[in-house]
Amino acid sequence: MPRLIQTPETTHRVHFQDCDMLGHLNNARFLDYFLNAREDHTTAHYSLNMGELAREQHAVWVITKHHISYLKPARQGGQVRILSQLIHFDNSSLVLEMQMRSEDGTRLLALLWSEMAYVTMPAGTRADHANAMMDLLDELDVEDVNYDPDGFDDRVKEVRQQLKKLRRAAGMEE
């Protein structure tokens, strides 16, 4: 069986109605773009429909916390590249990292960590992932990212430095 893509990415257009008066993507809309992209990624790359999964298993992931860093504006009419990856999980929770980059992928516009708990419906009590889900999460977990709950700012700095090195190696202007 071929290995699943751990860090899928898609390109999205920044729409006028999502922008502020300066023509920048509104801060609140970044979350929508990130979460919509992740839904697209799980559907396209892992054949997971979150609504169907919730109905079948009577459980769902709910967001318990976001960490987000806004670094550069995403401009109206422009294209952005959104990457998503699983960077941590345990028996009843997970942490997703999502990056919004320039269209060419060389500049980090924003980085998000979303912490999620797996809970039963309708009670909303924490539940353990099924064995098959744990196996999938294990395959998708990006081990190159050293997750530390208090290390968000360090991760932002790390990604920015990685992209800066890539730009220099490609002879791009800073």
N, C-alpha and C. Protein backbone atom coordinates (compact mmCIF):
# COMPACT_ATOMS: atom_id res chain seq x y z
N MET A 1 0.85 -1.18 0.00
CA MET A 1 0.00 0.00 0.00
C MET A 1 0.89 1.25 0.00
N PRO A 2 0.62 2.23 -0.88
CA PRO A 2 1.46 3.43 -0.92
C PRO A 2 1.32 4.25 0.36
N ARG A 3 2.39 4.92 0.70
CA ARG A 3 2.42 5.76 1.90
C ARG A 3 1.52 6.98 1.69
N LEU A 4 0.75 7.33 2.71
CA LEU A 4 -0.13 8.49 2.63
C LEU A 4 0.69 9.78 2.70
N ILE A 5 0.19 10.81 2.06
CA ILE A 5 0.83 12.13 2.11
C ILE A 5 0.62 12.71 3.50
N GLN A 6 1.70 12.98 4.20
CA GLN A 6 1.60 13.50 5.56
C GLN A 6 1.31 15.00 5.59
N THR A 7 1.78 15.72 4.58
CA THR A 7 1.59 17.17 4.57
C THR A 7 0.98 17.59 3.23
N PRO A 8 -0.33 17.38 3.09
CA PRO A 8 -0.97 17.82 1.85
C PRO A 8 -1.03 19.34 1.78
N GLU A 9 -1.14 19.83 0.56
CA GLU A 9 -1.24 21.28 0.37
C GLU A 9 -2.17 21.59 -0.79
N THR A 10 -2.80 22.73 -0.69
CA THR A 10 -3.69 23.21 -1.74
C THR A 10 -3.52 24.72 -1.88
N THR A 11 -3.92 25.22 -3.04
CA THR A 11 -3.86 26.65 -3.30
C THR A 11 -5.27 27.21 -3.27
N HIS A 12 -5.40 28.38 -2.66
CA HIS A 12 -6.70 29.03 -2.52
C HIS A 12 -6.59 30.50 -2.90
N ARG A 13 -7.65 31.02 -3.49
CA ARG A 13 -7.72 32.44 -3.84
C ARG A 13 -8.31 33.21 -2.66
N VAL A 14 -7.73 34.35 -2.34
CA VAL A 14 -8.24 35.21 -1.27
C VAL A 14 -9.35 36.06 -1.86
N HIS A 15 -10.56 35.89 -1.33
CA HIS A 15 -11.73 36.55 -1.86
C HIS A 15 -11.97 37.92 -1.23
N PHE A 16 -12.54 38.82 -2.01
CA PHE A 16 -12.81 40.20 -1.58
C PHE A 16 -13.60 40.26 -0.28
N GLN A 17 -14.67 39.45 -0.20
CA GLN A 17 -15.54 39.54 0.98
C GLN A 17 -14.86 39.06 2.26
N ASP A 18 -13.70 38.43 2.14
CA ASP A 18 -12.97 37.93 3.31
C ASP A 18 -11.91 38.92 3.80
N CYS A 19 -11.84 40.07 3.16
CA CYS A 19 -10.75 41.01 3.44
C CYS A 19 -11.23 42.23 4.22
N ASP A 20 -10.27 42.89 4.88
CA ASP A 20 -10.55 44.13 5.59
C ASP A 20 -10.42 45.31 4.62
N MET A 21 -10.50 46.52 5.14
CA MET A 21 -10.46 47.72 4.31
C MET A 21 -9.11 47.93 3.63
N LEU A 22 -8.07 47.29 4.13
CA LEU A 22 -6.74 47.40 3.52
C LEU A 22 -6.52 46.37 2.41
N GLY A 23 -7.52 45.52 2.19
CA GLY A 23 -7.38 44.47 1.18
C GLY A 23 -6.60 43.27 1.68
N HIS A 24 -6.48 43.14 3.02
CA HIS A 24 -5.80 42.00 3.64
C HIS A 24 -6.84 41.02 4.15
N LEU A 25 -6.53 39.74 4.08
CA LEU A 25 -7.42 38.73 4.63
C LEU A 25 -7.67 39.05 6.10
N ASN A 26 -8.94 39.14 6.48
CA ASN A 26 -9.32 39.43 7.85
C ASN A 26 -8.81 38.33 8.77
N ASN A 27 -8.30 38.72 9.95
CA ASN A 27 -7.71 37.75 10.87
C ASN A 27 -8.64 36.59 11.20
N ALA A 28 -9.91 36.87 11.40
CA ALA A 28 -10.85 35.81 11.73
C ALA A 28 -11.04 34.83 10.56
N ARG A 29 -10.90 35.31 9.35
CA ARG A 29 -11.10 34.46 8.17
C ARG A 29 -9.94 33.50 7.93
N PHE A 30 -8.76 33.79 8.50
CA PHE A 30 -7.64 32.84 8.40
C PHE A 30 -8.08 31.47 8.91
N LEU A 31 -8.81 31.45 10.04
CA LEU A 31 -9.25 30.18 10.61
C LEU A 31 -10.15 29.43 9.63
N ASP A 32 -11.07 30.15 8.98
CA ASP A 32 -11.93 29.51 8.00
C ASP A 32 -11.11 28.90 6.86
N TYR A 33 -10.15 29.65 6.35
CA TYR A 33 -9.33 29.16 5.25
C TYR A 33 -8.55 27.92 5.68
N PHE A 34 -7.98 27.96 6.88
CA PHE A 34 -7.22 26.81 7.38
C PHE A 34 -8.12 25.59 7.54
N LEU A 35 -9.24 25.75 8.22
CA LEU A 35 -10.10 24.60 8.50
C LEU A 35 -10.74 24.04 7.23
N ASN A 36 -11.11 24.92 6.30
CA ASN A 36 -11.65 24.44 5.03
C ASN A 36 -10.60 23.67 4.24
N ALA A 37 -9.37 24.17 4.26
CA ALA A 37 -8.29 23.47 3.56
C ALA A 37 -8.05 22.09 4.18
N ARG A 38 -8.05 22.01 5.51
CA ARG A 38 -7.84 20.71 6.16
C ARG A 38 -8.95 19.74 5.81
N GLU A 39 -10.18 20.23 5.77
CA GLU A 39 -11.29 19.36 5.36
C GLU A 39 -11.05 18.84 3.94
N ASP A 40 -10.65 19.72 3.04
CA ASP A 40 -10.34 19.31 1.67
C ASP A 40 -9.22 18.27 1.65
N HIS A 41 -8.20 18.48 2.48
CA HIS A 41 -7.06 17.56 2.53
C HIS A 41 -7.48 16.18 3.02
N THR A 42 -8.28 16.13 4.09
CA THR A 42 -8.66 14.82 4.63
C THR A 42 -9.58 14.07 3.67
N THR A 43 -10.41 14.80 2.97
CA THR A 43 -11.30 14.17 2.00
C THR A 43 -10.51 13.64 0.81
N ALA A 44 -9.66 14.48 0.25
CA ALA A 44 -8.93 14.11 -0.97
C ALA A 44 -7.83 13.08 -0.73
N HIS A 45 -7.13 13.19 0.38
CA HIS A 45 -5.94 12.34 0.57
C HIS A 45 -6.16 11.14 1.48
N TYR A 46 -7.17 11.19 2.36
CA TYR A 46 -7.37 10.09 3.31
C TYR A 46 -8.76 9.49 3.21
N SER A 47 -9.56 9.98 2.27
CA SER A 47 -10.94 9.51 2.08
C SER A 47 -11.74 9.57 3.38
N LEU A 48 -11.51 10.62 4.15
CA LEU A 48 -12.25 10.81 5.40
C LEU A 48 -13.23 11.96 5.25
N ASN A 49 -14.49 11.66 5.37
CA ASN A 49 -15.53 12.67 5.40
C ASN A 49 -15.90 12.86 6.86
N MET A 50 -15.59 14.01 7.42
CA MET A 50 -15.77 14.23 8.85
C MET A 50 -17.23 14.08 9.29
N GLY A 51 -18.18 14.52 8.47
CA GLY A 51 -19.59 14.37 8.81
C GLY A 51 -20.00 12.91 8.87
N GLU A 52 -19.60 12.14 7.86
CA GLU A 52 -19.93 10.71 7.84
C GLU A 52 -19.26 9.98 9.00
N LEU A 53 -18.01 10.32 9.26
CA LEU A 53 -17.27 9.69 10.35
C LEU A 53 -17.96 9.96 11.69
N ALA A 54 -18.42 11.18 11.89
CA ALA A 54 -19.12 11.54 13.13
C ALA A 54 -20.41 10.74 13.28
N ARG A 55 -21.16 10.62 12.18
CA ARG A 55 -22.42 9.86 12.24
C ARG A 55 -22.18 8.38 12.51
N GLU A 56 -21.15 7.82 11.87
CA GLU A 56 -20.86 6.39 12.04
C GLU A 56 -20.33 6.06 13.44
N GLN A 57 -19.45 6.90 13.96
CA GLN A 57 -18.79 6.59 15.22
C GLN A 57 -19.43 7.31 16.42
N HIS A 58 -20.39 8.17 16.16
CA HIS A 58 -21.05 8.93 17.22
C HIS A 58 -20.03 9.70 18.07
N ALA A 59 -19.00 10.17 17.39
CA ALA A 59 -17.94 10.96 18.06
C ALA A 59 -17.34 11.90 17.02
N VAL A 60 -16.72 12.96 17.52
CA VAL A 60 -16.19 13.99 16.64
C VAL A 60 -15.03 14.70 17.34
N TRP A 61 -14.15 15.30 16.56
CA TRP A 61 -13.09 16.13 17.14
C TRP A 61 -13.64 17.55 17.31
N VAL A 62 -13.41 18.10 18.48
CA VAL A 62 -13.77 19.49 18.73
C VAL A 62 -12.51 20.27 19.07
N ILE A 63 -12.47 21.49 18.60
CA ILE A 63 -11.30 22.33 18.85
C ILE A 63 -11.33 22.81 20.29
N THR A 64 -10.21 22.62 20.97
CA THR A 64 -10.11 23.08 22.36
C THR A 64 -9.22 24.31 22.47
N LYS A 65 -8.34 24.50 21.48
CA LYS A 65 -7.43 25.64 21.56
C LYS A 65 -6.81 25.91 20.19
N HIS A 66 -6.62 27.19 19.88
CA HIS A 66 -5.87 27.61 18.70
C HIS A 66 -4.68 28.44 19.15
N HIS A 67 -3.55 28.24 18.49
CA HIS A 67 -2.41 29.14 18.59
C HIS A 67 -2.19 29.62 17.16
N ILE A 68 -2.18 30.92 16.95
CA ILE A 68 -2.00 31.42 15.58
C ILE A 68 -1.04 32.61 15.59
N SER A 69 -0.21 32.63 14.58
CA SER A 69 0.71 33.75 14.40
C SER A 69 0.48 34.31 12.99
N TYR A 70 0.15 35.60 12.93
CA TYR A 70 -0.05 36.31 11.67
C TYR A 70 1.26 37.02 11.34
N LEU A 71 1.88 36.66 10.24
CA LEU A 71 3.22 37.18 9.94
C LEU A 71 3.25 38.16 8.78
N LYS A 72 2.54 37.87 7.73
CA LYS A 72 2.48 38.74 6.55
C LYS A 72 1.05 38.72 6.02
N PRO A 73 0.62 39.80 5.39
CA PRO A 73 -0.77 39.81 4.90
C PRO A 73 -0.98 38.88 3.71
N ALA A 74 -2.16 38.28 3.69
CA ALA A 74 -2.65 37.57 2.50
C ALA A 74 -3.55 38.58 1.81
N ARG A 75 -3.24 38.91 0.57
CA ARG A 75 -3.91 40.03 -0.10
C ARG A 75 -5.07 39.58 -0.99
N GLN A 76 -6.07 40.44 -1.03
CA GLN A 76 -7.26 40.18 -1.84
C GLN A 76 -6.88 39.90 -3.28
N GLY A 77 -7.48 38.83 -3.83
CA GLY A 77 -7.24 38.45 -5.21
C GLY A 77 -6.01 37.59 -5.40
N GLY A 78 -5.16 37.51 -4.39
CA GLY A 78 -3.95 36.71 -4.49
C GLY A 78 -4.23 35.24 -4.20
N GLN A 79 -3.24 34.44 -4.49
CA GLN A 79 -3.30 33.01 -4.22
C GLN A 79 -2.43 32.71 -3.01
N VAL A 80 -2.90 31.82 -2.16
CA VAL A 80 -2.11 31.36 -1.02
C VAL A 80 -2.04 29.84 -1.07
N ARG A 81 -0.98 29.32 -0.52
CA ARG A 81 -0.79 27.87 -0.42
C ARG A 81 -1.00 27.49 1.05
N ILE A 82 -1.86 26.51 1.29
CA ILE A 82 -2.13 26.06 2.65
C ILE A 82 -1.70 24.61 2.80
N LEU A 83 -0.85 24.37 3.80
CA LEU A 83 -0.35 23.05 4.13
C LEU A 83 -0.94 22.65 5.47
N SER A 84 -1.24 21.38 5.66
CA SER A 84 -1.72 20.91 6.96
C SER A 84 -1.05 19.60 7.30
N GLN A 85 -0.80 19.41 8.60
CA GLN A 85 -0.15 18.18 9.03
C GLN A 85 -0.47 17.90 10.50
N LEU A 86 -0.49 16.62 10.81
CA LEU A 86 -0.68 16.16 12.18
C LEU A 86 0.69 16.16 12.85
N ILE A 87 0.83 16.88 13.97
CA ILE A 87 2.13 16.95 14.63
C ILE A 87 2.14 16.29 16.00
N HIS A 88 0.96 15.88 16.48
CA HIS A 88 0.91 15.19 17.78
C HIS A 88 -0.46 14.54 17.92
N PHE A 89 -0.48 13.37 18.59
CA PHE A 89 -1.75 12.74 18.94
C PHE A 89 -1.54 11.83 20.13
N ASP A 90 -2.63 11.55 20.81
CA ASP A 90 -2.64 10.52 21.84
C ASP A 90 -3.98 9.80 21.73
N ASN A 91 -4.37 9.06 22.76
CA ASN A 91 -5.57 8.23 22.63
C ASN A 91 -6.86 9.01 22.46
N SER A 92 -6.88 10.31 22.83
CA SER A 92 -8.15 11.04 22.71
C SER A 92 -7.99 12.48 22.23
N SER A 93 -6.82 12.84 21.71
CA SER A 93 -6.64 14.20 21.22
C SER A 93 -5.62 14.23 20.10
N LEU A 94 -5.57 15.37 19.43
CA LEU A 94 -4.57 15.56 18.38
C LEU A 94 -4.26 17.04 18.23
N VAL A 95 -3.12 17.30 17.59
CA VAL A 95 -2.71 18.68 17.30
C VAL A 95 -2.37 18.75 15.82
N LEU A 96 -3.02 19.66 15.12
CA LEU A 96 -2.75 19.91 13.71
C LEU A 96 -1.95 21.19 13.58
N GLU A 97 -1.01 21.18 12.66
CA GLU A 97 -0.31 22.40 12.29
C GLU A 97 -0.73 22.74 10.88
N MET A 98 -1.07 24.00 10.67
CA MET A 98 -1.44 24.46 9.34
C MET A 98 -0.64 25.72 9.04
N GLN A 99 -0.11 25.76 7.85
CA GLN A 99 0.69 26.90 7.42
C GLN A 99 0.04 27.53 6.20
N MET A 100 -0.03 28.86 6.20
CA MET A 100 -0.43 29.59 5.01
C MET A 100 0.83 30.26 4.49
N ARG A 101 1.12 29.97 3.23
CA ARG A 101 2.32 30.51 2.60
C ARG A 101 1.94 31.29 1.35
N SER A 102 2.93 32.01 0.84
CA SER A 102 2.75 32.68 -0.44
C SER A 102 2.48 31.62 -1.50
N GLU A 103 1.98 32.04 -2.64
CA GLU A 103 1.61 31.09 -3.69
C GLU A 103 2.77 30.19 -4.09
N ASP A 104 3.99 30.74 -4.12
CA ASP A 104 5.15 29.92 -4.50
C ASP A 104 5.68 29.07 -3.34
N GLY A 105 5.08 29.24 -2.15
CA GLY A 105 5.44 28.42 -1.01
C GLY A 105 6.69 28.85 -0.27
N THR A 106 7.26 30.01 -0.61
CA THR A 106 8.55 30.39 -0.04
C THR A 106 8.45 31.34 1.15
N ARG A 107 7.27 31.91 1.40
CA ARG A 107 7.13 32.85 2.52
C ARG A 107 5.96 32.43 3.39
N LEU A 108 6.20 32.42 4.69
CA LEU A 108 5.17 32.04 5.65
C LEU A 108 4.33 33.27 5.98
N LEU A 109 3.02 33.16 5.72
CA LEU A 109 2.09 34.25 6.02
C LEU A 109 1.48 34.08 7.41
N ALA A 110 1.17 32.83 7.76
CA ALA A 110 0.57 32.55 9.07
C ALA A 110 0.81 31.09 9.41
N LEU A 111 0.86 30.82 10.71
CA LEU A 111 0.99 29.45 11.18
C LEU A 111 -0.01 29.24 12.30
N LEU A 112 -0.68 28.09 12.28
CA LEU A 112 -1.73 27.76 13.23
C LEU A 112 -1.49 26.38 13.82
N TRP A 113 -1.64 26.27 15.12
CA TRP A 113 -1.76 24.97 15.79
C TRP A 113 -3.18 24.89 16.30
N SER A 114 -3.88 23.83 15.96
CA SER A 114 -5.23 23.56 16.47
C SER A 114 -5.18 22.31 17.32
N GLU A 115 -5.52 22.47 18.59
CA GLU A 115 -5.60 21.32 19.49
C GLU A 115 -7.05 20.86 19.51
N MET A 116 -7.24 19.54 19.39
CA MET A 116 -8.59 18.99 19.31
C MET A 116 -8.74 17.80 20.24
N ALA A 117 -9.93 17.68 20.81
CA ALA A 117 -10.28 16.53 21.64
C ALA A 117 -11.32 15.70 20.91
N TYR A 118 -11.24 14.40 21.05
CA TYR A 118 -12.20 13.49 20.45
C TYR A 118 -13.28 13.24 21.49
N VAL A 119 -14.53 13.59 21.16
CA VAL A 119 -15.62 13.49 22.12
C VAL A 119 -16.82 12.76 21.52
N THR A 120 -17.60 12.13 22.41
CA THR A 120 -18.80 11.43 21.99
C THR A 120 -19.92 12.43 21.71
N MET A 121 -20.85 11.99 20.86
CA MET A 121 -22.03 12.82 20.58
C MET A 121 -23.25 12.08 21.10
N PRO A 122 -24.19 12.69 21.67
CA PRO A 122 -24.29 14.12 21.92
C PRO A 122 -23.72 14.54 23.28
N ALA A 123 -23.24 13.61 24.08
CA ALA A 123 -22.83 13.92 25.45
C ALA A 123 -21.65 14.88 25.53
N GLY A 124 -20.74 14.80 24.57
CA GLY A 124 -19.58 15.68 24.59
C GLY A 124 -18.50 15.25 25.57
N THR A 125 -18.51 13.97 25.95
CA THR A 125 -17.47 13.47 26.85
C THR A 125 -16.32 12.91 26.04
N ARG A 126 -15.12 13.04 26.59
CA ARG A 126 -13.92 12.59 25.90
C ARG A 126 -14.00 11.09 25.61
N ALA A 127 -13.51 10.71 24.43
CA ALA A 127 -13.52 9.30 24.03
C ALA A 127 -12.16 8.94 23.47
N ASP A 128 -11.87 7.65 23.50
CA ASP A 128 -10.62 7.16 22.91
C ASP A 128 -10.82 6.91 21.43
N HIS A 129 -9.78 7.17 20.66
CA HIS A 129 -9.79 6.83 19.23
C HIS A 129 -9.86 5.32 19.08
N ALA A 130 -10.57 4.85 18.07
CA ALA A 130 -10.60 3.43 17.75
C ALA A 130 -9.21 2.98 17.29
N ASN A 131 -8.95 1.69 17.37
CA ASN A 131 -7.63 1.17 16.98
C ASN A 131 -7.27 1.51 15.54
N ALA A 132 -8.23 1.39 14.64
CA ALA A 132 -7.97 1.72 13.23
C ALA A 132 -7.60 3.19 13.07
N MET A 133 -8.26 4.06 13.83
CA MET A 133 -7.95 5.50 13.77
C MET A 133 -6.56 5.75 14.35
N MET A 134 -6.22 5.07 15.42
CA MET A 134 -4.88 5.23 16.01
C MET A 134 -3.81 4.82 14.99
N ASP A 135 -4.08 3.76 14.23
CA ASP A 135 -3.13 3.32 13.21
C ASP A 135 -2.98 4.39 12.12
N LEU A 136 -4.10 4.97 11.70
CA LEU A 136 -4.06 6.03 10.69
C LEU A 136 -3.32 7.25 11.23
N LEU A 137 -3.63 7.66 12.45
CA LEU A 137 -2.95 8.81 13.04
C LEU A 137 -1.45 8.56 13.15
N ASP A 138 -1.08 7.34 13.50
CA ASP A 138 0.34 7.01 13.60
C ASP A 138 1.04 7.15 12.24
N GLU A 139 0.35 6.74 11.19
CA GLU A 139 0.93 6.86 9.84
C GLU A 139 1.02 8.32 9.38
N LEU A 140 0.09 9.15 9.83
CA LEU A 140 0.05 10.55 9.39
C LEU A 140 0.90 11.48 10.25
N ASP A 141 1.27 11.06 11.44
CA ASP A 141 2.03 11.91 12.35
C ASP A 141 3.38 12.28 11.74
N VAL A 142 3.65 13.58 11.68
CA VAL A 142 4.90 14.08 11.12
C VAL A 142 5.93 14.11 12.25
N GLU A 143 6.84 13.18 12.23
CA GLU A 143 7.80 13.04 13.32
C GLU A 143 8.91 14.07 13.26
N ASP A 144 9.08 14.74 12.12
CA ASP A 144 10.12 15.77 12.00
C ASP A 144 9.82 17.00 12.83
N VAL A 145 8.57 17.17 13.23
CA VAL A 145 8.18 18.31 14.04
C VAL A 145 8.17 17.86 15.50
N ASN A 146 9.03 18.48 16.30
CA ASN A 146 9.10 18.16 17.72
C ASN A 146 8.06 19.00 18.46
N TYR A 147 6.91 18.40 18.70
CA TYR A 147 5.82 19.13 19.34
C TYR A 147 6.10 19.32 20.82
N ASP A 148 6.00 20.56 21.24
CA ASP A 148 6.07 20.95 22.65
C ASP A 148 4.91 21.92 22.85
N PRO A 149 3.98 21.62 23.75
CA PRO A 149 2.82 22.51 23.93
C PRO A 149 3.20 23.97 24.17
N ASP A 150 4.37 24.21 24.73
CA ASP A 150 4.82 25.57 25.00
C ASP A 150 5.78 26.10 23.94
N GLY A 151 5.95 25.35 22.85
CA GLY A 151 6.95 25.70 21.85
C GLY A 151 6.42 26.32 20.57
N PHE A 152 5.24 26.90 20.62
CA PHE A 152 4.65 27.47 19.41
C PHE A 152 5.54 28.54 18.77
N ASP A 153 5.98 29.50 19.57
CA ASP A 153 6.81 30.59 19.02
C ASP A 153 8.11 30.05 18.44
N ASP A 154 8.68 29.04 19.07
CA ASP A 154 9.91 28.42 18.54
C ASP A 154 9.63 27.76 17.20
N ARG A 155 8.46 27.13 17.06
CA ARG A 155 8.11 26.48 15.80
C ARG A 155 7.95 27.51 14.69
N VAL A 156 7.31 28.63 14.99
CA VAL A 156 7.15 29.69 13.99
C VAL A 156 8.53 30.14 13.52
N LYS A 157 9.42 30.37 14.43
CA LYS A 157 10.78 30.81 14.10
C LYS A 157 11.49 29.75 13.26
N GLU A 158 11.33 28.48 13.62
CA GLU A 158 11.97 27.38 12.88
C GLU A 158 11.50 27.33 11.43
N VAL A 159 10.20 27.42 11.21
CA VAL A 159 9.65 27.36 9.85
C VAL A 159 10.13 28.56 9.04
N ARG A 160 10.12 29.74 9.64
CA ARG A 160 10.59 30.94 8.94
C ARG A 160 12.05 30.79 8.53
N GLN A 161 12.88 30.24 9.41
CA GLN A 161 14.30 30.04 9.09
C GLN A 161 14.47 29.01 7.98
N GLN A 162 13.68 27.92 8.01
CA GLN A 162 13.74 26.92 6.95
C GLN A 162 13.42 27.53 5.59
N LEU A 163 12.38 28.35 5.54
CA LEU A 163 11.98 28.98 4.28
C LEU A 163 13.02 30.00 3.82
N LYS A 164 13.62 30.71 4.75
CA LYS A 164 14.66 31.68 4.41
C LYS A 164 15.85 30.96 3.77
N LYS A 165 16.24 29.82 4.32
CA LYS A 165 17.34 29.03 3.74
C LYS A 165 16.99 28.56 2.33
N LEU A 166 15.75 28.13 2.15
CA LEU A 166 15.31 27.69 0.82
C LEU A 166 15.36 28.83 -0.18
N ARG A 167 14.94 30.02 0.23
CA ARG A 167 14.98 31.18 -0.68
C ARG A 167 16.42 31.52 -1.04
N ARG A 168 17.30 31.51 -0.05
CA ARG A 168 18.71 31.80 -0.33
C ARG A 168 19.31 30.77 -1.28
N ALA A 169 19.02 29.49 -1.06
CA ALA A 169 19.55 28.43 -1.91
C ALA A 169 19.04 28.58 -3.35
N ALA A 170 17.83 29.13 -3.50
CA ALA A 170 17.26 29.33 -4.82
C ALA A 170 17.67 30.67 -5.44
N GLY A 171 18.45 31.45 -4.69
CA GLY A 171 18.90 32.74 -5.19
C GLY A 171 17.81 33.79 -5.23
N MET A 172 16.80 33.64 -4.37
CA MET A 172 15.70 34.62 -4.34
C MET A 172 16.07 35.79 -3.45
N GLU A 173 15.50 36.95 -3.76
CA GLU A 173 15.72 38.14 -2.95
C GLU A 173 14.97 38.02 -1.64
N GLU A 174 15.51 38.61 -0.61
CA GLU A 174 14.83 38.63 0.70
C GLU A 174 13.86 39.74 0.67
